C-alpha cells in the first residue's frame, strides 16, 4: 500500500489570518502546542515576537486510511535575539501527541541555535 502525500490543511503567512483562524477559531486543533505557544511566545509583545508562518497538514499514519497524523509548524521572528523561533508538533487522530519541539534559527546564517523536545 502506497503512502499518500501529506494533505495541506492551512498555509498562513498573514498574522491577522493566523490570530483569527488558529487562535480565536482553534484551527490548529492542537491544544497542547497552543498552550506552549501562549505561554512562551504569544505572551511576548508583538514588537518582540512577530508571526511569520503557520503550516498545518495531515498525512496517513501507519495503519491505513483511518489513521491520520496532524502536523503543525508555526514560526515567529524574535527581534530581541535575531532568531526565527519555530514550534512544531504532530499528533494522531485519537489525540495522542507524538512529538512537540521548539527550535531557533539564526536569521542571518540559518544555523540552528538550539532545539528542544517538548514531548
C-alpha atoms as a PDB file:
ATOM      1  CA  UNK A   1       0.000   0.000   0.000  1.00  0.00           C
ATOM      2  CA  UNK A   2       1.432   3.353  -1.020  1.00  0.00           C
ATOM      3  CA  UNK A   3       1.537   6.206   1.424  1.00  0.00           C
ATOM      4  CA  UNK A   4      -0.122   9.349   0.126  1.00  0.00           C
ATOM      5  CA  UNK A   5       1.484  12.778   0.107  1.00  0.00           C
ATOM      6  CA  UNK A   6       0.607  14.958   3.111  1.00  0.00           C
ATOM      7  CA  UNK A   7      -2.580  16.975   2.610  1.00  0.00           C
ATOM      8  CA  UNK A   8      -2.148  20.700   3.193  1.00  0.00           C
ATOM      9  CA  UNK A   9      -4.876  21.989   5.540  1.00  0.00           C
ATOM     10  CA  UNK A  10      -3.647  25.568   6.090  1.00  0.00           C
ATOM     11  CA  UNK A  11      -0.715  27.704   4.999  1.00  0.00           C
ATOM     12  CA  UNK A  12      -0.953  31.110   6.634  1.00  0.00           C
ATOM     13  CA  UNK A  13       1.547  33.944   6.307  1.00  0.00           C
ATOM     14  CA  UNK A  14      -0.666  36.848   7.404  1.00  0.00           C
ATOM     15  CA  UNK A  15      -0.658  37.486  11.162  1.00  0.00           C
ATOM     16  CA  UNK A  16      -4.303  38.644  11.234  1.00  0.00           C
ATOM     17  CA  UNK A  17      -5.400  35.424   9.475  1.00  0.00           C
ATOM     18  CA  UNK A  18      -3.308  33.388  11.899  1.00  0.00           C
ATOM     19  CA  UNK A  19      -4.781  35.012  15.007  1.00  0.00           C
ATOM     20  CA  UNK A  20      -8.336  34.788  13.667  1.00  0.00           C
ATOM     21  CA  UNK A  21      -8.219  31.225  12.282  1.00  0.00           C
ATOM     22  CA  UNK A  22      -5.747  29.490  14.547  1.00  0.00           C
ATOM     23  CA  UNK A  23      -6.070  31.271  17.880  1.00  0.00           C
ATOM     24  CA  UNK A  24      -9.656  32.555  18.001  1.00  0.00           C
ATOM     25  CA  UNK A  25     -11.256  29.754  15.953  1.00  0.00           C
ATOM     26  CA  UNK A  26      -8.928  26.945  17.152  1.00  0.00           C
ATOM     27  CA  UNK A  27      -7.911  25.801  13.639  1.00  0.00           C
ATOM     28  CA  UNK A  28      -4.656  24.369  14.994  1.00  0.00           C
ATOM     29  CA  UNK A  29      -6.707  21.607  16.656  1.00  0.00           C
ATOM     30  CA  UNK A  30      -3.664  21.040  18.854  1.00  0.00           C
ATOM     31  CA  UNK A  31      -4.319  22.412  22.379  1.00  0.00           C
ATOM     32  CA  UNK A  32      -1.010  21.138  23.774  1.00  0.00           C
ATOM     33  CA  UNK A  33       1.048  23.072  21.206  1.00  0.00           C
ATOM     34  CA  UNK A  34      -1.244  26.075  21.510  1.00  0.00           C
ATOM     35  CA  UNK A  35      -0.663  26.206  25.288  1.00  0.00           C
ATOM     36  CA  UNK A  36       3.113  26.273  24.816  1.00  0.00           C
ATOM     37  CA  UNK A  37       2.731  28.958  22.157  1.00  0.00           C
ATOM     38  CA  UNK A  38       0.592  31.069  24.512  1.00  0.00           C
ATOM     39  CA  UNK A  39       2.916  30.594  27.488  1.00  0.00           C
ATOM     40  CA  UNK A  40       6.199  31.325  25.744  1.00  0.00           C
ATOM     41  CA  UNK A  41       5.547  33.238  22.523  1.00  0.00           C
ATOM     42  CA  UNK A  42       2.171  34.966  22.432  1.00  0.00           C
ATOM     43  CA  UNK A  43       2.764  36.386  25.909  1.00  0.00           C
ATOM     44  CA  UNK A  44       5.631  38.456  24.420  1.00  0.00           C
ATOM     45  CA  UNK A  45       4.953  41.914  22.956  1.00  0.00           C
ATOM     46  CA  UNK A  46       4.190  41.785  19.217  1.00  0.00           C
ATOM     47  CA  UNK A  47       7.221  44.006  18.613  1.00  0.00           C
ATOM     48  CA  UNK A  48       9.370  41.201  20.051  1.00  0.00           C
ATOM     49  CA  UNK A  49       7.727  38.102  18.580  1.00  0.00           C
ATOM     50  CA  UNK A  50       6.395  38.607  15.067  1.00  0.00           C
ATOM     51  CA  UNK A  51       4.357  35.838  13.431  1.00  0.00           C
ATOM     52  CA  UNK A  52       5.792  34.694  10.088  1.00  0.00           C
ATOM     53  CA  UNK A  53       4.168  31.414   9.029  1.00  0.00           C
ATOM     54  CA  UNK A  54       1.851  28.574  10.012  1.00  0.00           C
ATOM     55  CA  UNK A  55       1.637  25.263   8.177  1.00  0.00           C
ATOM     56  CA  UNK A  56      -0.901  22.581   9.053  1.00  0.00           C
ATOM     57  CA  UNK A  57      -1.011  19.321   7.155  1.00  0.00           C
ATOM     58  CA  UNK A  58      -2.245  15.782   7.643  1.00  0.00           C
ATOM     59  CA  UNK A  59      -0.647  12.590   6.479  1.00  0.00           C
ATOM     60  CA  UNK A  60      -1.603   8.965   6.517  1.00  0.00           C
ATOM     61  CA  UNK A  61      -0.311   7.056   9.522  1.00  0.00           C
ATOM     62  CA  UNK A  62       0.993   3.510   9.685  1.00  0.00           C
ATOM     63  CA  UNK A  63      -2.449   1.898   9.968  1.00  0.00           C
ATOM     64  CA  UNK A  64      -4.006   2.978   6.696  1.00  0.00           C
ATOM     65  CA  UNK A  65      -6.666   5.468   5.681  1.00  0.00           C
ATOM     66  CA  UNK A  66      -8.318   5.885   9.089  1.00  0.00           C
ATOM     67  CA  UNK A  67      -5.032   6.659  10.833  1.00  0.00           C
ATOM     68  CA  UNK A  68      -4.131  10.306  10.242  1.00  0.00           C
ATOM     69  CA  UNK A  69      -1.312  12.347  11.714  1.00  0.00           C
ATOM     70  CA  UNK A  70      -1.731  16.112  12.072  1.00  0.00           C
ATOM     71  CA  UNK A  71       1.456  18.161  11.749  1.00  0.00           C
ATOM     72  CA  UNK A  72       1.583  21.795  12.833  1.00  0.00           C
ATOM     73  CA  UNK A  73       4.506  24.197  12.289  1.00  0.00           C
ATOM     74  CA  UNK A  74       4.398  27.811  13.498  1.00  0.00           C
ATOM     75  CA  UNK A  75       7.248  30.296  13.035  1.00  0.00           C
ATOM     76  CA  UNK A  76       7.951  33.670  14.599  1.00  0.00           C
ATOM     77  CA  UNK A  77      10.726  36.237  14.282  1.00  0.00           C
ATOM     78  CA  UNK A  78      12.275  37.036  17.640  1.00  0.00           C
ATOM     79  CA  UNK A  79      13.533  40.590  17.216  1.00  0.00           C
ATOM     80  CA  UNK A  80      15.412  40.507  20.540  1.00  0.00           C
ATOM     81  CA  UNK A  81      17.610  37.559  19.611  1.00  0.00           C
ATOM     82  CA  UNK A  82      17.510  37.864  15.784  1.00  0.00           C
ATOM     83  CA  UNK A  83      16.316  34.263  15.556  1.00  0.00           C
ATOM     84  CA  UNK A  84      13.395  32.514  13.945  1.00  0.00           C
ATOM     85  CA  UNK A  85      11.564  30.620  16.672  1.00  0.00           C
ATOM     86  CA  UNK A  86       9.788  27.552  15.313  1.00  0.00           C
ATOM     87  CA  UNK A  87       7.252  25.450  17.182  1.00  0.00           C
ATOM     88  CA  UNK A  88       6.259  22.153  15.665  1.00  0.00           C
ATOM     89  CA  UNK A  89       4.275  19.146  16.698  1.00  0.00           C
ATOM     90  CA  UNK A  90       2.419  16.106  15.493  1.00  0.00           C
ATOM     91  CA  UNK A  91      -0.466  14.140  16.923  1.00  0.00           C
ATOM     92  CA  UNK A  92      -2.566  11.252  15.745  1.00  0.00           C
ATOM     93  CA  UNK A  93      -6.311  11.400  15.187  1.00  0.00           C
ATOM     94  CA  UNK A  94      -7.125   9.898  18.601  1.00  0.00           C
ATOM     95  CA  UNK A  95      -5.483  12.974  20.163  1.00  0.00           C
ATOM     96  CA  UNK A  96      -2.206  11.437  21.322  1.00  0.00           C
ATOM     97  CA  UNK A  97       0.746  13.833  20.972  1.00  0.00           C
ATOM     98  CA  UNK A  98       3.563  12.133  19.061  1.00  0.00           C
ATOM     99  CA  UNK A  99       6.101  14.933  19.065  1.00  0.00           C
ATOM    100  CA  UNK A 100       6.492  18.588  20.044  1.00  0.00           C
ATOM    101  CA  UNK A 101       9.626  20.678  19.773  1.00  0.00           C
ATOM    102  CA  UNK A 102      10.861  24.226  19.660  1.00  0.00           C
ATOM    103  CA  UNK A 103      13.940  25.384  17.844  1.00  0.00           C
ATOM    104  CA  UNK A 104      15.642  28.598  16.841  1.00  0.00           C
ATOM    105  CA  UNK A 105      17.423  29.513  13.630  1.00  0.00           C
ATOM    106  CA  UNK A 106      19.782  32.434  13.301  1.00  0.00           C
ATOM    107  CA  UNK A 107      18.147  34.889  10.841  1.00  0.00           C
ATOM    108  CA  UNK A 108      21.439  35.768   9.167  1.00  0.00           C
ATOM    109  CA  UNK A 109      23.181  32.385   8.902  1.00  0.00           C
ATOM    110  CA  UNK A 110      20.182  29.992   9.015  1.00  0.00           C
ATOM    111  CA  UNK A 111      22.183  27.921  11.513  1.00  0.00           C
ATOM    112  CA  UNK A 112      20.341  26.038  14.221  1.00  0.00           C
ATOM    113  CA  UNK A 113      20.897  27.888  17.506  1.00  0.00           C
ATOM    114  CA  UNK A 114      19.035  25.420  19.718  1.00  0.00           C
ATOM    115  CA  UNK A 115      16.456  22.669  19.582  1.00  0.00           C
ATOM    116  CA  UNK A 116      14.413  21.292  22.470  1.00  0.00           C
ATOM    117  CA  UNK A 117      11.982  18.378  22.555  1.00  0.00           C
ATOM    118  CA  UNK A 118       8.822  19.326  24.428  1.00  0.00           C
ATOM    119  CA  UNK A 119       7.019  15.965  24.249  1.00  0.00           C
END
